Amino acid sequence: MITEMYEIQAGLFKALMHPARLAILDILRQGEECVCHMEALLGYRQAYISQQLMTLRKVGLVEDRRDGWNIFYRVTRPDIYAVIDAMNEFVGQKPALAAHSTRLREEKCPCPKCNLATEAVGN
């Protein structure tokens, strides 16, 4: 039925209608990241980030991968960035967190992924 199509679209837009979820997707634009990296970058508590990730996971935009104690997230539908980029262009903005994510790695983010990158550079 035609309304079902619009319900699916509305669900995706609803998932995008939250600043924290847009910020998380901006971070994941660079690839897989762990929750602790998002926590360090965004300044939100881990529980709050996990709640936002759950919403993104429910609509099929992200999935997780466990590695020991760490959970890494990645975007499953990179084509969602075309929608986000169109919105950014419409309001005259560029993605904000990609550059900060690189800087955070350089400032010794406490997450395991960043620590491995820092150790590799230091050797």
PDB file of N, CA and C in Angstrom:
ATOM      1  N   MET A   1       0.843  -1.181   0.000  1.00  0.00           N
ATOM      2  CA  MET A   1       0.000   0.000   0.000  1.00  0.00           C
ATOM      3  C   MET A   1       0.889   1.247   0.000  1.00  0.00           C
ATOM      4  N   ILE A   2       0.423   2.311  -0.597  1.00  0.00           N
ATOM      5  CA  ILE A   2       1.238   3.510  -0.753  1.00  0.00           C
ATOM      6  C   ILE A   2       1.586   4.169   0.581  1.00  0.00           C
ATOM      7  N   THR A   3       0.683   4.108   1.560  1.00  0.00           N
ATOM      8  CA  THR A   3       0.988   4.734   2.844  1.00  0.00           C
ATOM      9  C   THR A   3       2.124   4.019   3.565  1.00  0.00           C
ATOM     10  N   GLU A   4       2.299   2.719   3.323  1.00  0.00           N
ATOM     11  CA  GLU A   4       3.394   1.975   3.941  1.00  0.00           C
ATOM     12  C   GLU A   4       4.741   2.542   3.504  1.00  0.00           C
ATOM     13  N   MET A   5       4.870   2.915   2.232  1.00  0.00           N
ATOM     14  CA  MET A   5       6.103   3.514   1.730  1.00  0.00           C
ATOM     15  C   MET A   5       6.410   4.809   2.478  1.00  0.00           C
ATOM     16  N   TYR A   6       5.373   5.617   2.675  1.00  0.00           N
ATOM     17  CA  TYR A   6       5.573   6.889   3.374  1.00  0.00           C
ATOM     18  C   TYR A   6       5.885   6.686   4.855  1.00  0.00           C
ATOM     19  N   GLU A   7       5.337   5.633   5.440  1.00  0.00           N
ATOM     20  CA  GLU A   7       5.650   5.326   6.832  1.00  0.00           C
ATOM     21  C   GLU A   7       7.127   4.951   6.987  1.00  0.00           C
ATOM     22  N   ILE A   8       7.645   4.183   6.050  1.00  0.00           N
ATOM     23  CA  ILE A   8       9.066   3.815   6.074  1.00  0.00           C
ATOM     24  C   ILE A   8       9.931   5.062   5.927  1.00  0.00           C
ATOM     25  N   GLN A   9       9.592   5.910   4.977  1.00  0.00           N
ATOM     26  CA  GLN A   9      10.346   7.152   4.780  1.00  0.00           C
ATOM     27  C   GLN A   9      10.275   8.030   6.024  1.00  0.00           C
ATOM     28  N   ALA A  10       9.088   8.161   6.601  1.00  0.00           N
ATOM     29  CA  ALA A  10       8.922   8.987   7.800  1.00  0.00           C
ATOM     30  C   ALA A  10       9.755   8.430   8.959  1.00  0.00           C
ATOM     31  N   GLY A  11       9.836   7.104   9.065  1.00  0.00           N
ATOM     32  CA  GLY A  11      10.654   6.487  10.111  1.00  0.00           C
ATOM     33  C   GLY A  11      12.130   6.837   9.968  1.00  0.00           C
ATOM     34  N   LEU A  12      12.618   6.830   8.737  1.00  0.00           N
ATOM     35  CA  LEU A  12      14.016   7.212   8.511  1.00  0.00           C
ATOM     36  C   LEU A  12      14.240   8.691   8.829  1.00  0.00           C
ATOM     37  N   PHE A  13      13.318   9.542   8.374  1.00  0.00           N
ATOM     38  CA  PHE A  13      13.460  10.969   8.684  1.00  0.00           C
ATOM     39  C   PHE A  13      13.371  11.213  10.188  1.00  0.00           C
ATOM     40  N   LYS A  14      12.501  10.485  10.862  1.00  0.00           N
ATOM     41  CA  LYS A  14      12.382  10.624  12.308  1.00  0.00           C
ATOM     42  C   LYS A  14      13.703  10.264  13.000  1.00  0.00           C
ATOM     43  N   ALA A  15      14.347   9.213  12.514  1.00  0.00           N
ATOM     44  CA  ALA A  15      15.644   8.820  13.086  1.00  0.00           C
ATOM     45  C   ALA A  15      16.698   9.896  12.869  1.00  0.00           C
ATOM     46  N   LEU A  16      16.579  10.633  11.775  1.00  0.00           N
ATOM     47  CA  LEU A  16      17.541  11.695  11.478  1.00  0.00           C
ATOM     48  C   LEU A  16      17.205  13.005  12.189  1.00  0.00           C
ATOM     49  N   MET A  17      16.057  13.079  12.825  1.00  0.00           N
ATOM     50  CA  MET A  17      15.603  14.327  13.429  1.00  0.00           C
ATOM     51  C   MET A  17      16.122  14.516  14.852  1.00  0.00           C
ATOM     52  N   HIS A  18      17.344  14.166  15.096  1.00  0.00           N
ATOM     53  CA  HIS A  18      17.927  14.337  16.426  1.00  0.00           C
ATOM     54  C   HIS A  18      19.384  14.750  16.261  1.00  0.00           C
ATOM     55  N   PRO A  19      19.785  15.843  16.881  1.00  0.00           N
ATOM     56  CA  PRO A  19      21.166  16.326  16.711  1.00  0.00           C
ATOM     57  C   PRO A  19      22.233  15.300  17.077  1.00  0.00           C
ATOM     58  N   ALA A  20      22.014  14.534  18.140  1.00  0.00           N
ATOM     59  CA  ALA A  20      23.018  13.542  18.545  1.00  0.00           C
ATOM     60  C   ALA A  20      23.152  12.438  17.501  1.00  0.00           C
ATOM     61  N   ARG A  21      22.037  12.021  16.920  1.00  0.00           N
ATOM     62  CA  ARG A  21      22.105  10.970  15.905  1.00  0.00           C
ATOM     63  C   ARG A  21      22.783  11.471  14.643  1.00  0.00           C
ATOM     64  N   LEU A  22      22.524  12.721  14.264  1.00  0.00           N
ATOM     65  CA  LEU A  22      23.232  13.297  13.112  1.00  0.00           C
ATOM     66  C   LEU A  22      24.725  13.388  13.398  1.00  0.00           C
ATOM     67  N   ALA A  23      25.083  13.765  14.626  1.00  0.00           N
ATOM     68  CA  ALA A  23      26.499  13.850  15.001  1.00  0.00           C
ATOM     69  C   ALA A  23      27.153  12.472  14.959  1.00  0.00           C
ATOM     70  N   ILE A  24      26.455  11.463  15.437  1.00  0.00           N
ATOM     71  CA  ILE A  24      26.981  10.093  15.399  1.00  0.00           C
ATOM     72  C   ILE A  24      27.206   9.656  13.958  1.00  0.00           C
ATOM     73  N   LEU A  25      26.239   9.904  13.093  1.00  0.00           N
ATOM     74  CA  LEU A  25      26.409   9.551  11.686  1.00  0.00           C
ATOM     75  C   LEU A  25      27.569  10.315  11.058  1.00  0.00           C
ATOM     76  N   ASP A  26      27.771  11.555  11.479  1.00  0.00           N
ATOM     77  CA  ASP A  26      28.906  12.340  10.977  1.00  0.00           C
ATOM     78  C   ASP A  26      30.226  11.694  11.391  1.00  0.00           C
ATOM     79  N   ILE A  27      30.300  11.226  12.624  1.00  0.00           N
ATOM     80  CA  ILE A  27      31.511  10.535  13.097  1.00  0.00           C
ATOM     81  C   ILE A  27      31.733   9.254  12.291  1.00  0.00           C
ATOM     82  N   LEU A  28      30.664   8.508  12.061  1.00  0.00           N
ATOM     83  CA  LEU A  28      30.766   7.227  11.353  1.00  0.00           C
ATOM     84  C   LEU A  28      31.017   7.396   9.864  1.00  0.00           C
ATOM     85  N   ARG A  29      30.962   8.605   9.391  1.00  0.00           N
ATOM     86  CA  ARG A  29      31.258   8.891   7.977  1.00  0.00           C
ATOM     87  C   ARG A  29      32.678   8.449   7.635  1.00  0.00           C
ATOM     88  N   GLN A  30      33.585   8.505   8.591  1.00  0.00           N
ATOM     89  CA  GLN A  30      34.981   8.133   8.382  1.00  0.00           C
ATOM     90  C   GLN A  30      35.216   6.628   8.500  1.00  0.00           C
ATOM     91  N   GLY A  31      34.194   5.898   8.962  1.00  0.00           N
ATOM     92  CA  GLY A  31      34.330   4.453   9.118  1.00  0.00           C
ATOM     93  C   GLY A  31      33.927   4.019  10.507  1.00  0.00           C
ATOM     94  N   GLU A  32      34.232   2.810  10.819  1.00  0.00           N
ATOM     95  CA  GLU A  32      33.847   2.177  12.079  1.00  0.00           C
ATOM     96  C   GLU A  32      34.452   2.910  13.280  1.00  0.00           C
ATOM     97  N   GLU A  33      33.652   3.081  14.336  1.00  0.00           N
ATOM     98  CA  GLU A  33      34.129   3.703  15.571  1.00  0.00           C
ATOM     99  C   GLU A  33      33.507   3.005  16.773  1.00  0.00           C
ATOM    100  N   CYS A  34      34.195   3.084  17.903  1.00  0.00           N
ATOM    101  CA  CYS A  34      33.660   2.517  19.140  1.00  0.00           C
ATOM    102  C   CYS A  34      32.887   3.591  19.904  1.00  0.00           C
ATOM    103  N   VAL A  35      32.051   3.140  20.815  1.00  0.00           N
ATOM    104  CA  VAL A  35      31.222   4.056  21.591  1.00  0.00           C
ATOM    105  C   VAL A  35      32.086   4.990  22.433  1.00  0.00           C
ATOM    106  N   CYS A  36      33.184   4.490  22.983  1.00  0.00           N
ATOM    107  CA  CYS A  36      34.015   5.350  23.827  1.00  0.00           C
ATOM    108  C   CYS A  36      34.649   6.481  23.014  1.00  0.00           C
ATOM    109  N   HIS A  37      34.934   6.250  21.743  1.00  0.00           N
ATOM    110  CA  HIS A  37      35.448   7.312  20.880  1.00  0.00           C
ATOM    111  C   HIS A  37      34.365   8.368  20.674  1.00  0.00           C
ATOM    112  N   MET A  38      33.138   7.920  20.422  1.00  0.00           N
ATOM    113  CA  MET A  38      32.025   8.866  20.259  1.00  0.00           C
ATOM    114  C   MET A  38      31.800   9.647  21.544  1.00  0.00           C
ATOM    115  N   GLU A  39      31.925   8.970  22.663  1.00  0.00           N
ATOM    116  CA  GLU A  39      31.763   9.607  23.967  1.00  0.00           C
ATOM    117  C   GLU A  39      32.809  10.705  24.166  1.00  0.00           C
ATOM    118  N   ALA A  40      34.055  10.411  23.830  1.00  0.00           N
ATOM    119  CA  ALA A  40      35.127  11.399  23.972  1.00  0.00           C
ATOM    120  C   ALA A  40      34.925  12.572  23.019  1.00  0.00           C
ATOM    121  N   LEU A  41      34.462  12.294  21.835  1.00  0.00           N
ATOM    122  CA  LEU A  41      34.290  13.339  20.831  1.00  0.00           C
ATOM    123  C   LEU A  41      33.074  14.203  21.101  1.00  0.00           C
ATOM    124  N   LEU A  42      31.968  13.592  21.482  1.00  0.00           N
ATOM    125  CA  LEU A  42      30.723  14.334  21.651  1.00  0.00           C
ATOM    126  C   LEU A  42      30.507  14.889  23.055  1.00  0.00           C
ATOM    127  N   GLY A  43      31.145  14.262  24.045  1.00  0.00           N
ATOM    128  CA  GLY A  43      30.965  14.722  25.420  1.00  0.00           C
ATOM    129  C   GLY A  43      29.668  14.231  26.058  1.00  0.00           C
ATOM    130  N   TYR A  44      29.008  13.260  25.424  1.00  0.00           N
ATOM    131  CA  TYR A  44      27.800  12.662  25.997  1.00  0.00           C
ATOM    132  C   TYR A  44      28.175  11.412  26.775  1.00  0.00           C
ATOM    133  N   ARG A  45      27.311  11.018  27.713  1.00  0.00           N
ATOM    134  CA  ARG A  45      27.522   9.779  28.450  1.00  0.00           C
ATOM    135  C   ARG A  45      27.335   8.577  27.525  1.00  0.00           C
ATOM    136  N   GLN A  46      27.997   7.492  27.862  1.00  0.00           N
ATOM    137  CA  GLN A  46      27.938   6.270  27.063  1.00  0.00           C
ATOM    138  C   GLN A  46      26.504   5.775  26.922  1.00  0.00           C
ATOM    139  N   ALA A  47      25.718   5.831  27.987  1.00  0.00           N
ATOM    140  CA  ALA A  47      24.336   5.347  27.940  1.00  0.00           C
ATOM    141  C   ALA A  47      23.499   6.157  26.951  1.00  0.00           C
ATOM    142  N   TYR A  48      23.706   7.453  26.909  1.00  0.00           N
ATOM    143  CA  TYR A  48      22.961   8.321  25.997  1.00  0.00           C
ATOM    144  C   TYR A  48      23.322   8.003  24.546  1.00  0.00           C
ATOM    145  N   ILE A  49      24.613   7.830  24.274  1.00  0.00           N
ATOM    146  CA  ILE A  49      25.060   7.484  22.919  1.00  0.00           C
ATOM    147  C   ILE A  49      24.506   6.127  22.510  1.00  0.00           C
ATOM    148  N   SER A  50      24.537   5.172  23.421  1.00  0.00           N
ATOM    149  CA  SER A  50      24.008   3.844  23.122  1.00  0.00           C
ATOM    150  C   SER A  50      22.520   3.907  22.798  1.00  0.00           C
ATOM    151  N   GLN A  51      21.788   4.760  23.498  1.00  0.00           N
ATOM    152  CA  GLN A  51      20.361   4.929  23.233  1.00  0.00           C
ATOM    153  C   GLN A  51      20.138   5.468  21.816  1.00  0.00           C
ATOM    154  N   GLN A  52      20.944   6.431  21.407  1.00  0.00           N
ATOM    155  CA  GLN A  52      20.819   7.002  20.063  1.00  0.00           C
ATOM    156  C   GLN A  52      21.226   5.975  19.004  1.00  0.00           C
ATOM    157  N   LEU A  53      22.259   5.208  19.289  1.00  0.00           N
ATOM    158  CA  LEU A  53      22.690   4.159  18.361  1.00  0.00           C
ATOM    159  C   LEU A  53      21.616   3.090  18.201  1.00  0.00           C
ATOM    160  N   MET A  54      20.881   2.803  19.272  1.00  0.00           N
ATOM    161  CA  MET A  54      19.812   1.818  19.200  1.00  0.00           C
ATOM    162  C   MET A  54      18.735   2.287  18.207  1.00  0.00           C
ATOM    163  N   THR A  55      18.413   3.566  18.236  1.00  0.00           N
ATOM    164  CA  THR A  55      17.426   4.111  17.292  1.00  0.00           C
ATOM    165  C   THR A  55      17.932   3.978  15.863  1.00  0.00           C
ATOM    166  N   LEU A  56      19.201   4.304  15.639  1.00  0.00           N
ATOM    167  CA  LEU A  56      19.778   4.188  14.294  1.00  0.00           C
ATOM    168  C   LEU A  56      19.836   2.730  13.837  1.00  0.00           C
ATOM    169  N   ARG A  57      20.078   1.842  14.776  1.00  0.00           N
ATOM    170  CA  ARG A  57      20.124   0.411  14.452  1.00  0.00           C
ATOM    171  C   ARG A  57      18.733  -0.111  14.095  1.00  0.00           C
ATOM    172  N   LYS A  58      17.708   0.361  14.803  1.00  0.00           N
ATOM    173  CA  LYS A  58      16.335  -0.095  14.549  1.00  0.00           C
ATOM    174  C   LYS A  58      15.872   0.235  13.132  1.00  0.00           C
ATOM    175  N   VAL A  59      16.325   1.362  12.589  1.00  0.00           N
ATOM    176  CA  VAL A  59      15.909   1.727  11.219  1.00  0.00           C
ATOM    177  C   VAL A  59      16.888   1.206  10.181  1.00  0.00           C
ATOM    178  N   GLY A  60      17.897   0.453  10.620  1.00  0.00           N
ATOM    179  CA  GLY A  60      18.810  -0.206   9.691  1.00  0.00           C
ATOM    180  C   GLY A  60      19.926   0.663   9.152  1.00  0.00           C
ATOM    181  N   LEU A  61      20.253   1.760   9.851  1.00  0.00           N
ATOM    182  CA  LEU A  61      21.325   2.637   9.370  1.00  0.00           C
ATOM    183  C   LEU A  61      22.692   2.264   9.919  1.00  0.00           C
ATOM    184  N   VAL A  62      22.747   1.614  11.085  1.00  0.00           N
ATOM    185  CA  VAL A  62      24.030   1.204  11.663  1.00  0.00           C
ATOM    186  C   VAL A  62      23.931  -0.238  12.152  1.00  0.00           C
ATOM    187  N   GLU A  63      25.093  -0.851  12.283  1.00  0.00           N
ATOM    188  CA  GLU A  63      25.190  -2.172  12.902  1.00  0.00           C
ATOM    189  C   GLU A  63      26.434  -2.184  13.769  1.00  0.00           C
ATOM    190  N   ASP A  64      26.479  -3.150  14.687  1.00  0.00           N
ATOM    191  CA  ASP A  64      27.621  -3.206  15.603  1.00  0.00           C
ATOM    192  C   ASP A  64      28.435  -4.471  15.390  1.00  0.00           C
ATOM    193  N   ARG A  65      29.658  -4.391  15.898  1.00  0.00           N
ATOM    194  CA  ARG A  65      30.587  -5.520  15.889  1.00  0.00           C
ATOM    195  C   ARG A  65      31.285  -5.511  17.237  1.00  0.00           C
ATOM    196  N   ARG A  66      31.295  -6.650  17.893  1.00  0.00           N
ATOM    197  CA  ARG A  66      31.944  -6.751  19.202  1.00  0.00           C
ATOM    198  C   ARG A  66      33.370  -7.272  19.042  1.00  0.00           C
ATOM    199  N   ASP A  67      34.254  -6.650  19.809  1.00  0.00           N
ATOM    200  CA  ASP A  67      35.656  -7.079  19.856  1.00  0.00           C
ATOM    201  C   ASP A  67      36.069  -7.030  21.321  1.00  0.00           C
ATOM    202  N   GLY A  68      35.941  -8.163  22.005  1.00  0.00           N
ATOM    203  CA  GLY A  68      36.205  -8.187  23.442  1.00  0.00           C
ATOM    204  C   GLY A  68      35.171  -7.339  24.165  1.00  0.00           C
ATOM    205  N   TRP A  69      35.649  -6.383  24.974  1.00  0.00           N
ATOM    206  CA  TRP A  69      34.762  -5.497  25.721  1.00  0.00           C
ATOM    207  C   TRP A  69      34.247  -4.343  24.869  1.00  0.00           C
ATOM    208  N   ASN A  70      34.845  -4.140  23.733  1.00  0.00           N
ATOM    209  CA  ASN A  70      34.503  -2.975  22.908  1.00  0.00           C
ATOM    210  C   ASN A  70      33.450  -3.321  21.859  1.00  0.00           C
ATOM    211  N   ILE A  71      32.592  -2.344  21.606  1.00  0.00           N
ATOM    212  CA  ILE A  71      31.582  -2.470  20.559  1.00  0.00           C
ATOM    213  C   ILE A  71      31.855  -1.381  19.537  1.00  0.00           C
ATOM    214  N   PHE A  72      32.005  -1.794  18.298  1.00  0.00           N
ATOM    215  CA  PHE A  72      32.273  -0.863  17.212  1.00  0.00           C
ATOM    216  C   PHE A  72      31.030  -0.755  16.331  1.00  0.00           C
ATOM    217  N   TYR A  73      30.765   0.453  15.871  1.00  0.00           N
ATOM    218  CA  TYR A  73      29.594   0.699  15.022  1.00  0.00           C
ATOM    219  C   TYR A  73      30.040   1.186  13.661  1.00  0.00           C
ATOM    220  N   ARG A  74      29.221   0.841  12.660  1.00  0.00           N
ATOM    221  CA  ARG A  74      29.475   1.316  11.309  1.00  0.00           C
ATOM    222  C   ARG A  74      28.137   1.560  10.624  1.00  0.00           C
ATOM    223  N   VAL A  75      28.164   2.394   9.615  1.00  0.00           N
ATOM    224  CA  VAL A  75      26.972   2.690   8.836  1.00  0.00           C
ATOM    225  C   VAL A  75      26.749   1.563   7.838  1.00  0.00           C
ATOM    226  N   THR A  76      25.521   1.063   7.770  1.00  0.00           N
ATOM    227  CA  THR A  76      25.193  -0.019   6.847  1.00  0.00           C
ATOM    228  C   THR A  76      24.667   0.504   5.517  1.00  0.00           C
ATOM    229  N   ARG A  77      24.213   1.731   5.510  1.00  0.00           N
ATOM    230  CA  ARG A  77      23.648   2.337   4.309  1.00  0.00           C
ATOM    231  C   ARG A  77      24.336   3.676   4.045  1.00  0.00           C
ATOM    232  N   PRO A  78      25.557   3.658   3.491  1.00  0.00           N
ATOM    233  CA  PRO A  78      26.281   4.907   3.243  1.00  0.00           C
ATOM    234  C   PRO A  78      25.531   5.881   2.343  1.00  0.00           C
ATOM    235  N   ASP A  79      24.547   5.380   1.590  1.00  0.00           N
ATOM    236  CA  ASP A  79      23.770   6.281   0.744  1.00  0.00           C
ATOM    237  C   ASP A  79      22.946   7.276   1.559  1.00  0.00           C
ATOM    238  N   ILE A  80      22.813   7.058   2.879  1.00  0.00           N
ATOM    239  CA  ILE A  80      22.107   8.031   3.722  1.00  0.00           C
ATOM    240  C   ILE A  80      22.852   9.366   3.737  1.00  0.00           C
ATOM    241  N   TYR A  81      24.162   9.331   3.470  1.00  0.00           N
ATOM    242  CA  TYR A  81      24.943  10.577   3.459  1.00  0.00           C
ATOM    243  C   TYR A  81      24.536  11.503   2.316  1.00  0.00           C
ATOM    244  N   ALA A  82      23.962  10.968   1.250  1.00  0.00           N
ATOM    245  CA  ALA A  82      23.442  11.825   0.175  1.00  0.00           C
ATOM    246  C   ALA A  82      22.295  12.679   0.712  1.00  0.00           C
ATOM    247  N   VAL A  83      21.454  12.081   1.555  1.00  0.00           N
ATOM    248  CA  VAL A  83      20.345  12.820   2.167  1.00  0.00           C
ATOM    249  C   VAL A  83      20.901  13.873   3.124  1.00  0.00           C
ATOM    250  N   ILE A  84      21.842  13.462   3.964  1.00  0.00           N
ATOM    251  CA  ILE A  84      22.427  14.384   4.941  1.00  0.00           C
ATOM    252  C   ILE A  84      23.189  15.500   4.232  1.00  0.00           C
ATOM    253  N   ASP A  85      23.943  15.156   3.197  1.00  0.00           N
ATOM    254  CA  ASP A  85      24.687  16.174   2.447  1.00  0.00           C
ATOM    255  C   ASP A  85      23.742  17.162   1.758  1.00  0.00           C
ATOM    256  N   ALA A  86      22.613  16.668   1.249  1.00  0.00           N
ATOM    257  CA  ALA A  86      21.626  17.561   0.629  1.00  0.00           C
ATOM    258  C   ALA A  86      21.069  18.526   1.675  1.00  0.00           C
ATOM    259  N   MET A  87      20.821  18.018   2.883  1.00  0.00           N
ATOM    260  CA  MET A  87      20.337  18.869   3.956  1.00  0.00           C
ATOM    261  C   MET A  87      21.401  19.896   4.350  1.00  0.00           C
ATOM    262  N   ASN A  88      22.657  19.446   4.446  1.00  0.00           N
ATOM    263  CA  ASN A  88      23.746  20.369   4.780  1.00  0.00           C
ATOM    264  C   ASN A  88      23.867  21.465   3.735  1.00  0.00           C
ATOM    265  N   GLU A  89      23.767  21.104   2.487  1.00  0.00           N
ATOM    266  CA  GLU A  89      23.838  22.095   1.409  1.00  0.00           C
ATOM    267  C   GLU A  89      22.653  23.060   1.491  1.00  0.00           C
ATOM    268  N   PHE A  90      21.489  22.536   1.792  1.00  0.00           N
ATOM    269  CA  PHE A  90      20.279  23.356   1.892  1.00  0.00           C
ATOM    270  C   PHE A  90      20.418  24.426   2.971  1.00  0.00           C
ATOM    271  N   VAL A  91      21.036  24.066   4.107  1.00  0.00           N
ATOM    272  CA  VAL A  91      21.201  25.024   5.211  1.00  0.00           C
ATOM    273  C   VAL A  91      22.561  25.714   5.185  1.00  0.00           C
ATOM    274  N   GLY A  92      23.387  25.387   4.195  1.00  0.00           N
ATOM    275  CA  GLY A  92      24.679  26.048   4.037  1.00  0.00           C
ATOM    276  C   GLY A  92      25.734  25.618   5.032  1.00  0.00           C
ATOM    277  N   GLN A  93      25.753  24.333   5.392  1.00  0.00           N
ATOM    278  CA  GLN A  93      26.744  23.823   6.340  1.00  0.00           C
ATOM    279  C   GLN A  93      27.508  22.660   5.731  1.00  0.00           C
ATOM    280  N   LYS A  94      28.628  22.333   6.369  1.00  0.00           N
ATOM    281  CA  LYS A  94      29.415  21.158   5.996  1.00  0.00           C
ATOM    282  C   LYS A  94      29.457  20.225   7.199  1.00  0.00           C
ATOM    283  N   PRO A  95      29.715  18.932   6.972  1.00  0.00           N
ATOM    284  CA  PRO A  95      29.872  18.032   8.122  1.00  0.00           C
ATOM    285  C   PRO A  95      30.936  18.576   9.064  1.00  0.00           C
ATOM    286  N   ALA A  96      30.631  18.576  10.358  1.00  0.00           N
ATOM    287  CA  ALA A  96      31.494  19.245  11.320  1.00  0.00           C
ATOM    288  C   ALA A  96      32.459  18.338  12.056  1.00  0.00           C
ATOM    289  N   LEU A  97      32.114  17.089  12.262  1.00  0.00           N
ATOM    290  CA  LEU A  97      32.883  16.263  13.184  1.00  0.00           C
ATOM    291  C   LEU A  97      34.002  15.448  12.555  1.00  0.00           C
ATOM    292  N   ALA A  98      34.026  15.286  11.261  1.00  0.00           N
ATOM    293  CA  ALA A  98      35.057  14.462  10.634  1.00  0.00           C
ATOM    294  C   ALA A  98      36.455  14.993  10.958  1.00  0.00           C
ATOM    295  N   ALA A  99      36.649  16.288  10.849  1.00  0.00           N
ATOM    296  CA  ALA A  99      37.958  16.886  11.152  1.00  0.00           C
ATOM    297  C   ALA A  99      38.268  16.784  12.642  1.00  0.00           C
ATOM    298  N   HIS A 100      37.246  16.941  13.488  1.00  0.00           N
ATOM    299  CA  HIS A 100      37.455  16.830  14.930  1.00  0.00           C
ATOM    300  C   HIS A 100      37.849  15.417  15.319  1.00  0.00           C
ATOM    301  N   SER A 101      37.322  14.428  14.618  1.00  0.00           N
ATOM    302  CA  SER A 101      37.636  13.039  14.914  1.00  0.00           C
ATOM    303  C   SER A 101      39.126  12.776  14.700  1.00  0.00           C
ATOM    304  N   THR A 102      39.681  13.310  13.618  1.00  0.00           N
ATOM    305  CA  THR A 102      41.113  13.167  13.352  1.00  0.00           C
ATOM    306  C   THR A 102      41.919  13.872  14.433  1.00  0.00           C
ATOM    307  N   ARG A 103      41.493  15.090  14.812  1.00  0.00           N
ATOM    308  CA  ARG A 103      42.200  15.842  15.853  1.00  0.00           C
ATOM    309  C   ARG A 103      42.137  15.102  17.175  1.00  0.00           C
ATOM    310  N   LEU A 104      40.993  14.489  17.486  1.00  0.00           N
ATOM    311  CA  LEU A 104      40.847  13.755  18.732  1.00  0.00           C
ATOM    312  C   LEU A 104      41.843  12.604  18.792  1.00  0.00           C
ATOM    313  N   ARG A 105      42.042  11.912  17.671  1.00  0.00           N
ATOM    314  CA  ARG A 105      43.032  10.839  17.637  1.00  0.00           C
ATOM    315  C   ARG A 105      44.422  11.384  17.963  1.00  0.00           C
ATOM    316  N   GLU A 106      44.733  12.554  17.431  1.00  0.00           N
ATOM    317  CA  GLU A 106      46.038  13.154  17.676  1.00  0.00           C
ATOM    318  C   GLU A 106      46.193  13.592  19.130  1.00  0.00           C
ATOM    319  N   GLU A 107      45.079  13.867  19.802  1.00  0.00           N
ATOM    320  CA  GLU A 107      45.114  14.304  21.197  1.00  0.00           C
ATOM    321  C   GLU A 107      44.995  13.131  22.164  1.00  0.00           C
ATOM    322  N   LYS A 108      45.262  11.922  21.675  1.00  0.00           N
ATOM    323  CA  LYS A 108      45.262  10.709  22.489  1.00  0.00           C
ATOM    324  C   LYS A 108      43.901  10.406  23.091  1.00  0.00           C
ATOM    325  N   CYS A 109      42.956  10.166  22.227  1.00  0.00           N
ATOM    326  CA  CYS A 109      41.636   9.699  22.646  1.00  0.00           C
ATOM    327  C   CYS A 109      41.830   8.431  23.466  1.00  0.00           C
ATOM    328  N   PRO A 110      41.072   8.238  24.528  1.00  0.00           N
ATOM    329  CA  PRO A 110      41.246   7.051  25.372  1.00  0.00           C
ATOM    330  C   PRO A 110      40.732   5.750  24.765  1.00  0.00           C
ATOM    331  N   CYS A 111      40.084   5.821  23.612  1.00  0.00           N
ATOM    332  CA  CYS A 111      39.496   4.591  23.065  1.00  0.00           C
ATOM    333  C   CYS A 111      40.592   3.662  22.527  1.00  0.00           C
ATOM    334  N   PRO A 112      40.313   2.352  22.501  1.00  0.00           N
ATOM    335  CA  PRO A 112      41.315   1.379  22.068  1.00  0.00           C
ATOM    336  C   PRO A 112      41.779   1.574  20.629  1.00  0.00           C
ATOM    337  N   LYS A 113      40.881   1.943  19.753  1.00  0.00           N
ATOM    338  CA  LYS A 113      41.245   2.138  18.351  1.00  0.00           C
ATOM    339  C   LYS A 113      42.260   3.270  18.220  1.00  0.00           C
ATOM    340  N   CYS A 114      42.018   4.372  18.928  1.00  0.00           N
ATOM    341  CA  CYS A 114      42.945   5.499  18.872  1.00  0.00           C
ATOM    342  C   CYS A 114      44.265   5.164  19.540  1.00  0.00           C
ATOM    343  N   ASN A 115      44.221   4.404  20.630  1.00  0.00           N
ATOM    344  CA  ASN A 115      45.457   4.036  21.311  1.00  0.00           C
ATOM    345  C   ASN A 115      46.330   3.156  20.431  1.00  0.00           C
ATOM    346  N   LEU A 116      45.717   2.261  19.666  1.00  0.00           N
ATOM    347  CA  LEU A 116      46.494   1.431  18.744  1.00  0.00           C
ATOM    348  C   LEU A 116      47.129   2.292  17.654  1.00  0.00           C
ATOM    349  N   ALA A 117      46.385   3.279  17.141  1.00  0.00           N
ATOM    350  CA  ALA A 117      46.913   4.171  16.111  1.00  0.00           C
ATOM    351  C   ALA A 117      48.046   5.020  16.668  1.00  0.00           C
ATOM    352  N   THR A 118      47.891   5.502  17.908  1.00  0.00           N
ATOM    353  CA  THR A 118      48.924   6.322  18.529  1.00  0.00           C
ATOM    354  C   THR A 118      50.180   5.509  18.787  1.00  0.00           C
ATOM    355  N   GLU A 119      50.008   4.268  19.259  1.00  0.00           N
ATOM    356  CA  GLU A 119      51.162   3.393  19.516  1.00  0.00           C
ATOM    357  C   GLU A 119      51.901   3.074  18.233  1.00  0.00           C
ATOM    358  N   ALA A 120      51.163   2.863  17.150  1.00  0.00           N
ATOM    359  CA  ALA A 120      51.794   2.544  15.859  1.00  0.00           C
ATOM    360  C   ALA A 120      52.600   3.738  15.347  1.00  0.00           C
ATOM    361  N   VAL A 121      52.097   4.949  15.545  1.00  0.00           N
ATOM    362  CA  VAL A 121      52.804   6.154  15.097  1.00  0.00           C
ATOM    363  C   VAL A 121      54.027   6.388  15.963  1.00  0.00           C
ATOM    364  N   GLY A 122      53.911   6.086  17.280  1.00  0.00           N
ATOM    365  CA  GLY A 122      55.007   6.320  18.200  1.00  0.00           C
ATOM    366  C   GLY A 122      56.168   5.353  18.023  1.00  0.00           C
ATOM    367  N   ASN A 123      55.939   4.228  17.398  1.00  0.00           N
ATOM    368  CA  ASN A 123      57.009   3.220  17.232  1.00  0.00           C
ATOM    369  C   ASN A 123      57.814   3.437  15.999  1.00  0.00           C
TER     370      ASN A 123
END
